C-alpha cells in the first residue's frame, strides 16, 4: 500500500487537475461491468448467437493486455462454446486461410460438423488464453503496490481481474466438454485433472486472502493515516460494521446474495464432480482411473442426494471398478438459464471515526442478482419410457458460496478505501482553504466530483455461465431415437453409434431456442 503522504499527494494532484479528469471519470468511471457488457448480455440471452460472437470477439480483442482481459476471455470462451452447440446455419463459417498456392483449387465450404468443431476449437483457445493469464497472476506473490494504492483512491474495479476460484474450475470443465465434443478424450482428461486441482487449491487460497485482509484491517486500526488536523486517524473496520446504520445494511446485502446457497461445501462444483465421475468411469484405462470414477460418483451422491439418477451412477462406478464394462447408456445433460450477475447498492458507512467533517459517506458494495428466466427441466422420452432431467449443480449456489467467502475482503477493502478517500478530501480541502477560501471551495468540488465518479463497486463477474446443470440417464433405446420436450416443443434425435452416448442441450431463457449436440463418450 502507498504511504499516507503519497496518497495525500495524489489526492491534492487529483483535486487541482479535476477539471478534465473528473469529467472523464464522471462519464466512464461510473460504468459498472454490467453496463459495459450489456450488448453481449442482450444478444446472448436472446440466443442471437451470431451477434453475441461478434460482440464478444471485439470486446475480448479490445481488452487484451488490460485489467479485464481474463474476464473477457472467459466470456468469449463460453459464447464460442455456445456457438459450437448451435445450428451451424445460424452462424458464419469460421475464417479459413487461403491456400498458399494461388493456382490451387478453392477449398470446399466447411461441413456443418466442421463449423461446429471450428467454434469449439476457438472456445478452447479463448479458455487457454484465460488460463495462461490466471496462472500468471497466481505466480505473483501479491498485487503490485502501485495498483493497490490507485484502487484505494479510485475503486477496486481498477485492480486486475485475476479470476475467481469458480471461474478457474468452470473454464477447465468447459474445455473438457469442448475436447470431448471434437473427439480428443486425452486432452479432456488433462482439463479434468486441472479442474480437480483447482478445487483443491481454492480452500488454501481463501485462507491466504483471509490473512491478507486481516492485516489490512490491523493497519487501519493502528492508525497509519492522519485526519485533517494531522492527528493519527485509526479506522476500526469491526466498529464500522457494528454501526447501527451500516451493520444491518451489510447483513441484508449478504443475505440477499447468498439466499440460493446449498450445502455443497466451499469451492465445490458438483457438475465438475459429475463429469469427472462419468469420464473416468466410462473412459478409464486402468484400475486407478476406475477408482477415481467411483470416488467421484460417491462424492456426488453426498453432494446432491436428492438427484434420482446419482444413485444409479454411484452403483455404476462401483461395478466398473470391479471389472464391469459400461455400455448401452445415454446421458442427457441440460445447461439451462444464465448465472447471477453483480450489481451495486449504496450503503452509508461511518467516517466520523476518522474525520470530524463527515459523519457518514455512501460506499458502493456489490450484491448478486439472480435470473429466473430459465427452463426448469427437460422431458426425455425413449424406448417407451419418460424421464425428467434433475439438477446436478446450481451455479447460483456455487457463485453465492464464493461471494460469501469473498465478502469479508470486499467489506474491509471498501470500508478502508472509502474512509481513506474521505480523509484525503477533508485534508486537501482544509489545506487549500488555509491558502485561499475560493481555492478550498474549488478543491472541495473537485474532490467531491472525483469521489462520486469513482464510487462504484467491483461488479465484474462471468455473466455467460448457466443457472443450473441438470441431467438424466437412461438405457439407450433399441431404435436409438430420443424425443426431447420442453413446453409445447419436441425435438427428435437419432443417437450416433456408441456404447455410451451423451446428448448435450443448452437453453439460455424460456423463449430462446434449444441448442443440441451429441457425442459418443465410448
Protein backbone atom coordinates (compact mmCIF):
# COMPACT_ATOMS: atom_id res chain seq x y z
CA UNK A 1 0.00 0.00 0.00
CA UNK A 2 1.24 3.52 -0.69
CA UNK A 3 2.36 5.57 2.26
CA UNK A 4 -0.13 8.14 3.58
CA UNK A 5 1.92 11.05 2.28
CA UNK A 6 1.95 9.64 -1.23
CA UNK A 7 -1.81 9.02 -1.14
CA UNK A 8 -2.44 12.57 0.06
CA UNK A 9 -0.11 13.96 -2.59
CA UNK A 10 -2.09 12.01 -5.17
CA UNK A 11 -5.28 13.48 -3.70
CA UNK A 12 -4.02 17.06 -3.98
CA UNK A 13 -2.87 16.49 -7.54
CA UNK A 14 -6.22 14.99 -8.45
CA UNK A 15 -8.04 17.90 -6.83
CA UNK A 16 -6.11 20.51 -8.81
CA UNK A 17 -6.49 18.69 -12.12
CA UNK A 18 -10.10 17.61 -11.67
CA UNK A 19 -11.38 19.80 -14.49
CA UNK A 20 -10.64 17.31 -17.26
CA UNK A 21 -10.07 14.10 -15.33
CA UNK A 22 -13.18 14.33 -13.19
CA UNK A 23 -15.35 14.88 -16.23
CA UNK A 24 -13.84 11.84 -17.92
CA UNK A 25 -14.34 9.73 -14.80
CA UNK A 26 -17.86 11.05 -14.41
CA UNK A 27 -18.69 9.80 -17.89
CA UNK A 28 -16.78 6.49 -17.83
CA UNK A 29 -15.82 5.77 -14.23
CA UNK A 30 -19.38 5.22 -13.05
CA UNK A 31 -19.98 2.42 -15.53
CA UNK A 32 -20.31 -0.96 -13.89
CA UNK A 33 -19.29 -4.13 -15.69
CA UNK A 34 -22.96 -4.92 -16.35
CA UNK A 35 -23.30 -1.63 -18.21
CA UNK A 36 -20.11 -2.27 -20.16
CA UNK A 37 -21.22 -5.79 -21.15
CA UNK A 38 -24.90 -5.01 -21.82
CA UNK A 39 -24.62 -5.62 -25.57
CA UNK A 40 -23.24 -9.11 -25.01
CA UNK A 41 -25.85 -9.86 -22.34
CA UNK A 42 -28.72 -8.82 -24.63
CA UNK A 43 -27.58 -10.86 -27.63
CA UNK A 44 -26.54 -13.89 -25.57
CA UNK A 45 -29.78 -14.13 -23.58
CA UNK A 46 -31.86 -13.79 -26.74
CA UNK A 47 -29.75 -16.53 -28.39
CA UNK A 48 -28.79 -14.19 -31.21
CA UNK A 49 -25.58 -16.14 -31.22
CA UNK A 50 -24.02 -14.65 -34.35
CA UNK A 51 -24.29 -11.14 -32.86
CA UNK A 52 -23.09 -12.42 -29.48
CA UNK A 53 -19.97 -13.94 -31.07
CA UNK A 54 -19.17 -10.75 -33.00
CA UNK A 55 -19.70 -8.65 -29.86
CA UNK A 56 -17.58 -10.78 -27.55
CA UNK A 57 -14.80 -11.19 -30.12
CA UNK A 58 -14.47 -7.40 -30.40
CA UNK A 59 -14.59 -6.87 -26.62
CA UNK A 60 -12.02 -9.62 -25.98
CA UNK A 61 -9.73 -8.05 -28.57
CA UNK A 62 -10.20 -4.56 -27.13
CA UNK A 63 -9.31 -5.75 -23.60
CA UNK A 64 -6.20 -7.75 -24.48
CA UNK A 65 -3.41 -6.73 -22.12
CA UNK A 66 -5.85 -4.82 -19.92
CA UNK A 67 -7.02 -5.38 -16.36
CA UNK A 68 -10.20 -7.19 -17.51
CA UNK A 69 -8.55 -9.46 -20.08
CA UNK A 70 -9.26 -12.68 -18.16
CA UNK A 71 -12.94 -11.89 -17.73
CA UNK A 72 -13.49 -11.14 -21.41
CA UNK A 73 -11.62 -14.29 -22.42
CA UNK A 74 -13.98 -16.27 -20.17
CA UNK A 75 -17.00 -14.59 -21.76
CA UNK A 76 -15.53 -15.29 -25.19
CA UNK A 77 -14.84 -18.94 -24.39
CA UNK A 78 -18.40 -19.54 -23.13
CA UNK A 79 -20.00 -17.69 -26.05
CA UNK A 80 -17.94 -19.60 -28.61
CA UNK A 81 -18.81 -22.86 -26.87
CA UNK A 82 -22.49 -21.96 -27.19
CA UNK A 83 -21.89 -21.29 -30.89
CA UNK A 84 -20.39 -24.78 -31.17
CA UNK A 85 -23.70 -26.18 -29.88
CA UNK A 86 -25.89 -24.05 -32.15
CA UNK A 87 -27.25 -24.85 -35.59
CA UNK A 88 -24.35 -24.06 -37.95
CA UNK A 89 -26.84 -22.47 -40.35
CA UNK A 90 -27.28 -19.65 -37.81
CA UNK A 91 -23.55 -18.86 -37.84
CA UNK A 92 -20.98 -17.55 -40.27
CA UNK A 93 -18.36 -20.21 -41.04
CA UNK A 94 -15.11 -19.76 -39.11
CA UNK A 95 -12.45 -17.91 -41.08
CA UNK A 96 -10.34 -20.21 -43.29
CA UNK A 97 -6.88 -19.24 -44.51
CA UNK A 98 -6.45 -19.04 -48.27
CA UNK A 99 -4.30 -21.80 -49.81
CA UNK A 100 -0.62 -20.94 -50.15
CA UNK A 101 -0.69 -21.73 -53.87
CA UNK A 102 -2.91 -19.22 -55.71
CA UNK A 103 -3.32 -21.73 -58.53
CA UNK A 104 -4.73 -24.36 -56.20
CA UNK A 105 -8.43 -25.05 -56.50
CA UNK A 106 -10.62 -23.33 -53.89
CA UNK A 107 -11.29 -25.25 -50.73
CA UNK A 108 -14.77 -26.75 -50.44
CA UNK A 109 -17.10 -24.99 -47.99
CA UNK A 110 -16.92 -26.41 -44.47
CA UNK A 111 -19.49 -29.01 -43.46
CA UNK A 112 -21.84 -28.31 -40.53
CA UNK A 113 -19.72 -30.63 -38.36
CA UNK A 114 -16.57 -28.73 -39.33
CA UNK A 115 -18.22 -25.40 -38.48
CA UNK A 116 -19.23 -26.65 -35.03
CA UNK A 117 -15.76 -28.08 -34.42
CA UNK A 118 -14.22 -24.79 -35.52
CA UNK A 119 -16.13 -22.87 -32.86
CA UNK A 120 -15.28 -25.48 -30.23
CA UNK A 121 -11.59 -25.10 -31.06
CA UNK A 122 -11.86 -21.31 -30.85
CA UNK A 123 -13.54 -21.74 -27.46
CA UNK A 124 -10.64 -23.91 -26.31
CA UNK A 125 -8.17 -21.25 -27.46
CA UNK A 126 -10.01 -18.49 -25.55
CA UNK A 127 -10.13 -20.55 -22.36
CA UNK A 128 -6.45 -21.45 -22.75
CA UNK A 129 -5.56 -17.76 -23.00
CA UNK A 130 -7.62 -17.06 -19.88
CA UNK A 131 -5.85 -19.88 -18.06
CA UNK A 132 -2.43 -18.57 -19.07
CA UNK A 133 -3.28 -15.19 -17.52
CA UNK A 134 -4.74 -16.86 -14.43
CA UNK A 135 -1.50 -18.78 -13.99
CA UNK A 136 0.50 -15.59 -14.41
CA UNK A 137 -1.38 -13.87 -11.58
CA UNK A 138 -1.17 -16.94 -9.38
CA UNK A 139 2.60 -16.74 -9.66
CA UNK A 140 2.60 -13.22 -8.28
CA UNK A 141 3.06 -13.12 -4.52
CA UNK A 142 0.84 -10.06 -4.15
CA UNK A 143 -0.73 -7.19 -6.04
CA UNK A 144 1.73 -4.56 -7.17
CA UNK A 145 1.97 -1.67 -4.71
CA UNK A 146 1.02 0.95 -7.26
CA UNK A 147 -2.13 -0.89 -8.28
CA UNK A 148 -3.35 -1.20 -4.68
CA UNK A 149 -2.70 2.46 -3.94
CA UNK A 150 -4.57 3.62 -7.03
CA UNK A 151 -7.50 1.35 -6.17
CA UNK A 152 -7.76 2.94 -2.72
CA UNK A 153 -8.34 6.42 -4.16
CA UNK A 154 -10.49 5.17 -7.04
CA UNK A 155 -12.20 1.77 -6.69
CA UNK A 156 -11.47 -1.95 -6.50
CA UNK A 157 -12.62 -2.46 -10.10
CA UNK A 158 -9.34 -0.80 -11.15
CA UNK A 159 -7.38 -3.82 -9.91
CA UNK A 160 -6.68 -6.61 -12.43
CA UNK A 161 -9.37 -9.27 -12.60
CA UNK A 162 -7.47 -12.45 -11.75
CA UNK A 163 -10.32 -14.94 -11.98
CA UNK A 164 -12.38 -16.23 -9.09
CA UNK A 165 -12.00 -19.80 -7.95
CA UNK A 166 -15.23 -20.99 -9.57
CA UNK A 167 -14.11 -19.32 -12.83
CA UNK A 168 -10.99 -21.46 -12.84
CA UNK A 169 -12.90 -24.69 -12.19
CA UNK A 170 -15.51 -23.92 -14.86
CA UNK A 171 -13.08 -22.93 -17.60
CA UNK A 172 -11.34 -26.30 -17.29
CA UNK A 173 -14.69 -28.11 -17.08
CA UNK A 174 -15.92 -26.38 -20.23
CA UNK A 175 -12.69 -27.20 -22.01
CA UNK A 176 -13.10 -30.87 -21.09
CA UNK A 177 -16.53 -30.77 -22.74
CA UNK A 178 -15.10 -28.99 -25.79
CA UNK A 179 -12.44 -31.66 -26.19
CA UNK A 180 -14.99 -34.47 -25.85
CA UNK A 181 -17.16 -32.81 -28.47
CA UNK A 182 -14.32 -32.75 -31.01
CA UNK A 183 -13.16 -36.27 -30.15
CA UNK A 184 -9.99 -35.58 -28.12
CA UNK A 185 -10.50 -37.52 -24.85
CA UNK A 186 -6.82 -37.36 -23.84
CA UNK A 187 -6.98 -33.57 -23.78
CA UNK A 188 -10.30 -33.77 -21.89
CA UNK A 189 -8.50 -35.85 -19.26
CA UNK A 190 -5.91 -33.08 -18.80
CA UNK A 191 -8.63 -30.45 -18.36
CA UNK A 192 -10.46 -32.59 -15.79
CA UNK A 193 -7.21 -33.04 -13.85
CA UNK A 194 -6.80 -29.27 -13.79
CA UNK A 195 -10.38 -28.75 -12.63
CA UNK A 196 -9.89 -31.19 -9.77
CA UNK A 197 -6.68 -29.46 -8.69
CA UNK A 198 -8.37 -26.05 -8.89
CA UNK A 199 -10.99 -27.18 -6.38
CA UNK A 200 -8.31 -28.50 -4.05
CA UNK A 201 -6.27 -25.29 -4.26
CA UNK A 202 -9.22 -22.96 -3.67
CA UNK A 203 -9.57 -23.63 0.06
CA UNK A 204 -5.91 -22.82 0.71
CA UNK A 205 -6.15 -19.70 -1.48
CA UNK A 206 -9.11 -18.47 0.55
CA UNK A 207 -7.16 -18.85 3.78
CA UNK A 208 -4.41 -16.65 2.32
CA UNK A 209 -6.98 -14.00 1.38
CA UNK A 210 -8.41 -14.03 4.89
CA UNK A 211 -4.98 -13.48 6.43
CA UNK A 212 -4.18 -10.68 3.97
CA UNK A 213 -7.37 -8.77 4.66
CA UNK A 214 -6.89 -9.16 8.41
CA UNK A 215 -3.50 -7.47 8.04
CA UNK A 216 -5.11 -4.58 6.15
CA UNK A 217 -7.72 -4.17 8.86
CA UNK A 218 -5.00 -4.21 11.52
CA UNK A 219 -3.06 -1.48 9.71
CA UNK A 220 -6.13 0.72 9.50
CA UNK A 221 -6.92 0.06 13.16
CA UNK A 222 -3.34 1.03 14.09
CA UNK A 223 -3.82 4.49 12.62
CA UNK A 224 -1.45 4.59 9.68
CA UNK A 225 -3.35 7.57 8.22
CA UNK A 226 -3.86 11.10 9.55
CA UNK A 227 -7.03 13.11 9.81
CA UNK A 228 -7.45 16.68 8.52
CA UNK A 229 -6.00 18.03 11.78
CA UNK A 230 -2.85 15.97 11.39
CA UNK A 231 -3.71 13.54 14.13
CA UNK A 232 -3.47 9.79 13.83
CA UNK A 233 -6.74 8.56 12.37
CA UNK A 234 -7.35 4.93 13.22
CA UNK A 235 -10.21 3.25 11.41
CA UNK A 236 -11.69 0.22 13.11
CA UNK A 237 -13.37 -1.94 10.47
CA UNK A 238 -15.10 -4.08 13.09
CA UNK A 239 -16.52 -0.99 14.80
CA UNK A 240 -17.72 0.36 11.46
CA UNK A 241 -19.51 -2.92 10.67
CA UNK A 242 -21.25 -2.86 14.04
CA UNK A 243 -22.60 0.63 13.40
CA UNK A 244 -26.42 0.59 13.79
CA UNK A 245 -26.90 2.02 10.32
CA UNK A 246 -24.15 0.20 8.44
CA UNK A 247 -24.26 -3.26 10.02
CA UNK A 248 -27.85 -4.21 9.17
CA UNK A 249 -27.46 -2.93 5.60
CA UNK A 250 -24.35 -5.05 5.07
CA UNK A 251 -26.04 -8.10 6.58
CA UNK A 252 -29.06 -7.64 4.32
CA UNK A 253 -26.91 -7.40 1.19
CA UNK A 254 -25.06 -10.59 2.13
CA UNK A 255 -28.27 -12.47 2.96
CA UNK A 256 -29.83 -11.46 -0.37
CA UNK A 257 -26.74 -12.58 -2.27
CA UNK A 258 -26.44 -15.96 -0.55
CA UNK A 259 -30.12 -16.94 -0.48
CA UNK A 260 -29.79 -19.81 -3.02
CA UNK A 261 -26.82 -21.45 -1.31
CA UNK A 262 -26.91 -25.23 -1.00
CA UNK A 263 -24.71 -27.41 1.16
CA UNK A 264 -22.10 -28.20 -1.47
CA UNK A 265 -19.16 -27.05 0.63
CA UNK A 266 -16.55 -24.43 -0.15
CA UNK A 267 -15.47 -24.17 -3.79
CA UNK A 268 -17.17 -27.38 -4.86
CA UNK A 269 -18.82 -27.52 -8.28
CA UNK A 270 -20.94 -30.71 -8.38
CA UNK A 271 -21.16 -30.64 -12.18
CA UNK A 272 -17.38 -30.85 -12.42
CA UNK A 273 -17.50 -33.77 -9.98
CA UNK A 274 -20.21 -35.44 -12.10
CA UNK A 275 -18.23 -35.02 -15.32
CA UNK A 276 -15.11 -36.34 -13.62
CA UNK A 277 -17.00 -39.43 -12.43
CA UNK A 278 -18.59 -40.03 -15.82
CA UNK A 279 -15.35 -39.66 -17.76
CA UNK A 280 -13.17 -41.85 -15.58
CA UNK A 281 -15.88 -44.49 -15.20
CA UNK A 282 -16.56 -44.74 -18.93
CA UNK A 283 -13.21 -43.74 -20.45
CA UNK A 284 -10.99 -45.15 -17.71
CA UNK A 285 -7.93 -47.06 -18.86
CA UNK A 286 -6.84 -48.80 -15.67
CA UNK A 287 -7.76 -49.51 -12.07
CA UNK A 288 -6.63 -46.09 -10.87
CA UNK A 289 -8.96 -44.37 -13.37
CA UNK A 290 -11.93 -46.56 -12.47
CA UNK A 291 -11.31 -45.98 -8.78
CA UNK A 292 -11.27 -42.25 -9.40
CA UNK A 293 -14.59 -42.52 -11.22
CA UNK A 294 -16.08 -44.50 -8.34
CA UNK A 295 -14.91 -41.95 -5.76
CA UNK A 296 -16.23 -39.03 -7.79
CA UNK A 297 -19.67 -40.62 -8.05
CA UNK A 298 -19.61 -41.37 -4.32
CA UNK A 299 -18.74 -37.76 -3.64
CA UNK A 300 -21.52 -36.63 -5.98
CA UNK A 301 -24.04 -38.77 -4.09
CA UNK A 302 -23.11 -36.94 -0.90
CA UNK A 303 -23.38 -33.52 -2.59
CA UNK A 304 -26.75 -33.96 -4.35
CA UNK A 305 -28.54 -36.89 -2.71
CA UNK A 306 -31.87 -35.57 -3.98
CA UNK A 307 -30.92 -36.25 -7.62
CA UNK A 308 -32.67 -39.53 -8.59
CA UNK A 309 -30.00 -40.54 -11.14
CA UNK A 310 -26.95 -40.25 -8.91
CA UNK A 311 -27.60 -43.49 -7.02
CA UNK A 312 -27.52 -45.46 -10.28
CA UNK A 313 -24.27 -43.76 -11.28
CA UNK A 314 -22.77 -44.50 -7.89
CA UNK A 315 -23.62 -48.17 -8.43
CA UNK A 316 -22.18 -47.99 -11.95
CA UNK A 317 -18.92 -46.56 -10.65
CA UNK A 318 -18.60 -49.37 -8.14
CA UNK A 319 -19.42 -52.02 -10.74
CA UNK A 320 -16.90 -50.69 -13.27
CA UNK A 321 -14.22 -50.57 -10.56
CA UNK A 322 -14.91 -54.30 -10.12
CA UNK A 323 -14.49 -55.04 -13.82
CA UNK A 324 -17.87 -54.39 -15.45
CA UNK A 325 -17.80 -52.68 -18.88
CA UNK A 326 -20.29 -49.79 -19.20
CA UNK A 327 -22.49 -49.97 -22.30
CA UNK A 328 -26.00 -49.25 -23.52
CA UNK A 329 -26.34 -45.93 -21.66
CA UNK A 330 -27.35 -42.47 -22.78
CA UNK A 331 -26.89 -39.29 -20.75
CA UNK A 332 -28.81 -36.11 -21.50
CA UNK A 333 -27.01 -33.12 -19.99
CA UNK A 334 -29.01 -29.90 -19.77
CA UNK A 335 -27.40 -26.49 -19.26
CA UNK A 336 -30.20 -24.01 -18.52
CA UNK A 337 -30.58 -20.30 -17.90
CA UNK A 338 -27.88 -17.77 -17.09
CA UNK A 339 -25.99 -17.33 -13.86
CA UNK A 340 -26.07 -14.43 -11.44
CA UNK A 341 -24.59 -11.03 -12.13
CA UNK A 342 -23.33 -8.41 -9.69
CA UNK A 343 -24.92 -5.03 -9.37
CA UNK A 344 -24.23 -2.40 -6.74
CA UNK A 345 -26.01 -0.73 -3.88
CA UNK A 346 -25.12 2.24 -1.72
CA UNK A 347 -24.59 1.72 1.99
CA UNK A 348 -23.75 4.60 4.32
CA UNK A 349 -20.63 3.91 6.34
CA UNK A 350 -19.41 5.88 9.36
CA UNK A 351 -16.45 8.22 8.74
CA UNK A 352 -16.69 10.20 11.98
CA UNK A 353 -14.22 7.60 13.24
CA UNK A 354 -11.53 9.33 11.16
CA UNK A 355 -12.85 12.73 10.11
CA UNK A 356 -14.78 15.36 12.02
CA UNK A 357 -16.05 16.90 8.79
CA UNK A 358 -18.21 13.95 7.75
CA UNK A 359 -20.44 11.66 9.80
CA UNK A 360 -21.38 9.15 7.08
CA UNK A 361 -20.47 8.73 3.46
CA UNK A 362 -22.04 6.48 0.86
CA UNK A 363 -19.98 3.49 -0.26
CA UNK A 364 -20.77 1.19 -3.19
CA UNK A 365 -20.94 -2.53 -2.42
CA UNK A 366 -21.67 -5.41 -4.83
CA UNK A 367 -24.56 -7.81 -4.48
CA UNK A 368 -25.68 -10.79 -6.52
CA UNK A 369 -28.79 -10.68 -8.69
CA UNK A 370 -30.26 -13.97 -9.90
CA UNK A 371 -32.02 -14.54 -13.21
CA UNK A 372 -35.17 -16.65 -13.00
CA UNK A 373 -35.96 -16.68 -16.73
CA UNK A 374 -34.99 -20.29 -17.38
CA UNK A 375 -36.47 -23.66 -18.34
CA UNK A 376 -36.76 -25.69 -15.12
CA UNK A 377 -36.36 -29.15 -16.72
CA UNK A 378 -36.44 -31.18 -19.91
CA UNK A 379 -38.62 -34.23 -20.57
CA UNK A 380 -36.78 -37.03 -22.36
CA UNK A 381 -38.66 -39.93 -23.97
CA UNK A 382 -37.02 -43.04 -25.35
CA UNK A 383 -37.68 -46.75 -25.50
CA UNK A 384 -41.23 -46.25 -24.31
CA UNK A 385 -40.13 -44.54 -21.07
CA UNK A 386 -40.13 -40.91 -19.99
CA UNK A 387 -37.50 -39.20 -17.86
CA UNK A 388 -37.16 -35.67 -16.48
CA UNK A 389 -33.79 -34.01 -16.03
CA UNK A 390 -32.79 -33.28 -12.44
CA UNK A 391 -30.41 -30.66 -11.10
CA UNK A 392 -26.86 -31.81 -10.51
CA UNK A 393 -25.38 -28.35 -9.84
CA UNK A 394 -26.83 -24.94 -9.09
CA UNK A 395 -24.34 -22.40 -10.40
CA UNK A 396 -26.31 -19.79 -8.45
CA UNK A 397 -25.25 -21.68 -5.33
CA UNK A 398 -21.63 -22.11 -6.45
CA UNK A 399 -21.31 -18.36 -7.14
CA UNK A 400 -23.14 -17.42 -3.94
CA UNK A 401 -20.81 -19.56 -1.86
CA UNK A 402 -17.78 -17.89 -3.43
CA UNK A 403 -19.38 -14.48 -2.80
CA UNK A 404 -19.89 -15.38 0.87
CA UNK A 405 -16.24 -16.30 1.24
CA UNK A 406 -15.11 -13.13 -0.54
CA UNK A 407 -17.47 -10.83 1.38
CA UNK A 408 -15.15 -10.06 4.33
CA UNK A 409 -12.44 -8.96 1.90
CA UNK A 410 -14.88 -6.84 -0.10
CA UNK A 411 -16.22 -5.14 3.01
CA UNK A 412 -12.83 -4.48 4.58
CA UNK A 413 -11.28 -3.05 1.40
CA UNK A 414 -14.34 -0.93 0.64
CA UNK A 415 -14.55 0.46 4.16
CA UNK A 416 -10.86 1.33 4.27
CA UNK A 417 -10.83 2.74 0.74
CA UNK A 418 -13.92 4.88 1.25
CA UNK A 419 -12.66 6.17 4.60
CA UNK A 420 -9.27 6.96 3.06
CA UNK A 421 -10.90 8.99 0.29
CA UNK A 422 -12.93 10.87 2.89
CA UNK A 423 -9.72 11.70 4.78
CA UNK A 424 -7.96 12.79 1.60
CA UNK A 425 -10.88 15.04 0.69
CA UNK A 426 -11.01 16.62 4.13
CA UNK A 427 -7.24 17.26 4.26
CA UNK A 428 -6.99 18.65 0.72
CA UNK A 429 -9.95 20.95 1.26
CA UNK A 430 -8.53 22.24 4.57
CA UNK A 431 -5.05 22.82 3.15
CA UNK A 432 -6.43 24.69 0.16
CA UNK A 433 -8.82 26.73 2.32
CA UNK A 434 -5.92 27.79 4.52
CA UNK A 435 -4.26 29.20 1.40
CA UNK A 436 -7.37 30.68 -0.18
CA UNK A 437 -11.06 30.11 0.67
CA UNK A 438 -12.01 30.12 -3.01
CA UNK A 439 -9.33 27.57 -3.80
CA UNK A 440 -10.60 25.42 -0.95
CA UNK A 441 -14.09 25.51 -2.44
CA UNK A 442 -12.74 24.59 -5.87
CA UNK A 443 -10.67 21.75 -4.44
CA UNK A 444 -13.64 20.51 -2.43
CA UNK A 445 -15.84 20.46 -5.53
CA UNK A 446 -13.13 18.67 -7.48
CA UNK A 447 -12.64 16.00 -4.83
CA UNK A 448 -16.39 15.56 -4.44
CA UNK A 449 -16.82 15.02 -8.18
CA UNK A 450 -13.84 12.67 -8.26
CA UNK A 451 -15.07 10.61 -5.30
CA UNK A 452 -18.55 10.39 -6.79
CA UNK A 453 -17.25 9.31 -10.17
CA UNK A 454 -15.10 6.56 -8.65
CA UNK A 455 -17.58 5.36 -6.04
CA UNK A 456 -18.61 2.20 -7.84
CA UNK A 457 -18.49 -1.40 -6.69
CA UNK A 458 -16.50 -4.08 -8.42
CA UNK A 459 -19.33 -5.80 -10.29
CA UNK A 460 -17.16 -7.84 -12.63
CA UNK A 461 -18.38 -11.41 -12.92
CA UNK A 462 -18.55 -14.11 -15.60
CA UNK A 463 -22.07 -13.47 -16.90
CA UNK A 464 -22.40 -16.18 -19.59
CA UNK A 465 -22.40 -19.06 -17.11
CA UNK A 466 -25.64 -21.06 -16.78
CA UNK A 467 -28.01 -21.02 -13.86
CA UNK A 468 -28.06 -24.82 -13.48
CA UNK A 469 -26.65 -28.03 -14.85
CA UNK A 470 -29.08 -30.97 -14.97
CA UNK A 471 -29.01 -34.47 -16.36
CA UNK A 472 -30.98 -37.61 -16.99
CA UNK A 473 -29.68 -41.12 -17.69
CA UNK A 474 -31.49 -43.95 -19.46
CA UNK A 475 -30.88 -47.20 -21.26
CA UNK A 476 -30.15 -46.43 -24.90
CA UNK A 477 -33.36 -47.22 -26.85
CA UNK A 478 -33.16 -50.08 -29.34
CA UNK A 479 -34.17 -47.75 -32.17
CA UNK A 480 -31.69 -45.09 -30.89
CA UNK A 481 -34.41 -42.45 -31.00
CA UNK A 482 -34.91 -39.81 -28.30
CA UNK A 483 -37.59 -37.15 -28.04
CA UNK A 484 -36.75 -34.03 -26.03
CA UNK A 485 -39.72 -31.94 -24.98
CA UNK A 486 -39.94 -28.53 -23.37
CA UNK A 487 -43.23 -26.66 -23.25
CA UNK A 488 -45.01 -27.44 -26.49
CA UNK A 489 -41.80 -28.02 -28.43
CA UNK A 490 -40.44 -31.51 -29.15
CA UNK A 491 -37.22 -32.38 -30.95
CA UNK A 492 -36.36 -35.90 -32.07
CA UNK A 493 -32.74 -37.07 -32.06
CA UNK A 494 -31.18 -40.13 -33.62
CA UNK A 495 -28.24 -41.21 -31.48
CA UNK A 496 -24.86 -41.72 -33.10
CA UNK A 497 -23.25 -45.17 -32.84
CA UNK A 498 -21.70 -45.65 -29.41
CA UNK A 499 -21.76 -47.74 -26.27
CA UNK A 500 -22.24 -44.68 -24.03
CA UNK A 501 -23.77 -41.58 -25.62
CA UNK A 502 -24.07 -38.01 -24.41
CA UNK A 503 -26.71 -35.60 -25.68
CA UNK A 504 -25.91 -32.02 -24.66
CA UNK A 505 -28.71 -29.47 -24.57
CA UNK A 506 -28.37 -25.77 -23.79
CA UNK A 507 -31.07 -23.15 -23.20
CA UNK A 508 -30.43 -19.58 -22.08
CA UNK A 509 -34.04 -18.48 -21.48
CA UNK A 510 -37.66 -19.62 -21.68
CA UNK A 511 -38.10 -18.01 -25.10
CA UNK A 512 -34.76 -18.89 -26.70
CA UNK A 513 -34.34 -21.95 -28.96
CA UNK A 514 -32.66 -25.08 -27.70
CA UNK A 515 -29.10 -25.81 -28.79
CA UNK A 516 -28.48 -29.56 -29.07
CA UNK A 517 -25.40 -31.59 -29.92
CA UNK A 518 -24.20 -35.11 -29.14
CA UNK A 519 -21.07 -37.22 -28.95
CA UNK A 520 -20.20 -40.81 -28.15
CA UNK A 521 -18.29 -40.97 -24.87
CA UNK A 522 -17.35 -44.60 -25.56
